[in-house]
C-alpha atoms as a PDB file:
ATOM      1  CA  MET A   1       0.000   0.000   0.000  1.00  0.00           C
ATOM      2  CA  ARG A   2       2.741   2.467   0.928  1.00  0.00           C
ATOM      3  CA  ASP A   3       4.514   1.822  -2.387  1.00  0.00           C
ATOM      4  CA  SER A   4       1.447   3.004  -4.303  1.00  0.00           C
ATOM      5  CA  PHE A   5       1.539   6.491  -2.745  1.00  0.00           C
ATOM      6  CA  VAL A   6       2.268   9.122  -5.376  1.00  0.00           C
ATOM      7  CA  ILE A   7       3.152  12.714  -4.539  1.00  0.00           C
ATOM      8  CA  PRO A   8       1.130  15.027  -6.798  1.00  0.00           C
ATOM      9  CA  GLU A   9       3.094  17.144  -9.265  1.00  0.00           C
ATOM     10  CA  GLY A  10       3.850  20.591  -7.866  1.00  0.00           C
ATOM     11  CA  THR A  11       3.926  19.373  -4.254  1.00  0.00           C
ATOM     12  CA  TYR A  12       6.867  20.420  -2.109  1.00  0.00           C
ATOM     13  CA  ILE A  13       7.969  18.670   1.088  1.00  0.00           C
ATOM     14  CA  MET A  14      10.132  20.475   3.639  1.00  0.00           C
ATOM     15  CA  VAL A  15      13.052  18.286   4.655  1.00  0.00           C
ATOM     16  CA  GLU A  16      15.024  20.939   6.508  1.00  0.00           C
ATOM     17  CA  GLU A  17      14.352  24.222   8.241  1.00  0.00           C
ATOM     18  CA  PRO A  18      13.221  26.845   5.729  1.00  0.00           C
ATOM     19  CA  MET A  19      15.646  29.773   5.471  1.00  0.00           C
ATOM     20  CA  PRO A  20      17.474  29.215   8.790  1.00  0.00           C
ATOM     21  CA  GLU A  21      19.336  32.539   8.418  1.00  0.00           C
ATOM     22  CA  ILE A  22      16.093  34.564   8.563  1.00  0.00           C
ATOM     23  CA  THR A  23      15.309  35.917  12.026  1.00  0.00           C
ATOM     24  CA  ILE A  24      12.249  37.773  13.272  1.00  0.00           C
ATOM     25  CA  GLU A  25      14.317  40.973  13.265  1.00  0.00           C
ATOM     26  CA  LYS A  26      15.234  40.455   9.599  1.00  0.00           C
ATOM     27  CA  MET A  27      11.576  39.802   8.761  1.00  0.00           C
ATOM     28  CA  HIS A  28      10.554  43.055  10.439  1.00  0.00           C
ATOM     29  CA  ALA A  29      13.156  44.878   8.354  1.00  0.00           C
ATOM     30  CA  LEU A  30      11.915  43.185   5.166  1.00  0.00           C
ATOM     31  CA  ILE A  31       8.338  44.276   5.894  1.00  0.00           C
ATOM     32  CA  GLU A  32       9.486  47.877   5.529  1.00  0.00           C
ATOM     33  CA  GLN A  33      10.766  47.102   2.004  1.00  0.00           C
ATOM     34  CA  ILE A  34       7.632  45.417   0.618  1.00  0.00           C
ATOM     35  CA  SER A  35       6.560  47.098  -2.593  1.00  0.00           C
ATOM     36  CA  SER A  36       4.149  44.552  -4.100  1.00  0.00           C
ATOM     37  CA  GLU A  37       1.564  41.942  -3.199  1.00  0.00           C
ATOM     38  CA  ARG A  38       3.890  39.262  -4.581  1.00  0.00           C
ATOM     39  CA  LYS A  39       6.644  40.234  -2.132  1.00  0.00           C
ATOM     40  CA  LEU A  40       4.121  40.341   0.707  1.00  0.00           C
ATOM     41  CA  ALA A  41       2.880  36.859  -0.216  1.00  0.00           C
ATOM     42  CA  SER A  42       6.453  35.536  -0.354  1.00  0.00           C
ATOM     43  CA  LEU A  43       7.299  36.937   3.070  1.00  0.00           C
ATOM     44  CA  PHE A  44       4.063  35.500   4.484  1.00  0.00           C
ATOM     45  CA  ALA A  45       4.955  32.075   3.044  1.00  0.00           C
ATOM     46  CA  ILE A  46       8.406  32.216   4.643  1.00  0.00           C
ATOM     47  CA  ALA A  47       6.948  33.218   8.021  1.00  0.00           C
ATOM     48  CA  TRP A  48       4.224  30.558   7.844  1.00  0.00           C
ATOM     49  CA  ASN A  49       6.649  27.779   6.888  1.00  0.00           C
ATOM     50  CA  LYS A  50       9.036  28.738   9.683  1.00  0.00           C
ATOM     51  CA  ALA A  51       6.173  28.879  12.201  1.00  0.00           C
ATOM     52  CA  MET A  52       4.973  25.412  11.184  1.00  0.00           C
ATOM     53  CA  TRP A  53       8.543  24.084  11.317  1.00  0.00           C
ATOM     54  CA  ILE A  54       8.963  25.469  14.843  1.00  0.00           C
ATOM     55  CA  ALA A  55       5.577  24.083  15.944  1.00  0.00           C
ATOM     56  CA  ASP A  56       6.436  20.638  14.607  1.00  0.00           C
ATOM     57  CA  GLU A  57       9.770  20.672  16.439  1.00  0.00           C
ATOM     58  CA  ALA A  58       8.280  22.050  19.662  1.00  0.00           C
ATOM     59  CA  TYR A  59       5.368  19.651  19.875  1.00  0.00           C
ATOM     60  CA  ASP A  60       7.148  16.663  18.315  1.00  0.00           C
ATOM     61  CA  PHE A  61       4.103  15.421  16.413  1.00  0.00           C
ATOM     62  CA  GLU A  62       4.045  11.789  15.367  1.00  0.00           C
ATOM     63  CA  GLU A  63       5.606  10.997  12.006  1.00  0.00           C
ATOM     64  CA  GLY A  64       3.201  11.488   9.136  1.00  0.00           C
ATOM     65  CA  THR A  65       0.974  14.113  10.757  1.00  0.00           C
END
């Protein structure tokens, strides 16, 4: 059954911490430089991914959740 699992095209799986060099202070500084919705969306995605990475590490969810 597990061998039949197919990851849909366009799916990305995080295998390491996203952008480990980005700190909350750097994100605050980047907010001041946002000049388009695309840049805002990108910064939101970075923040969201880091938050979910931290939550997963902090709460040590079971594998596969």
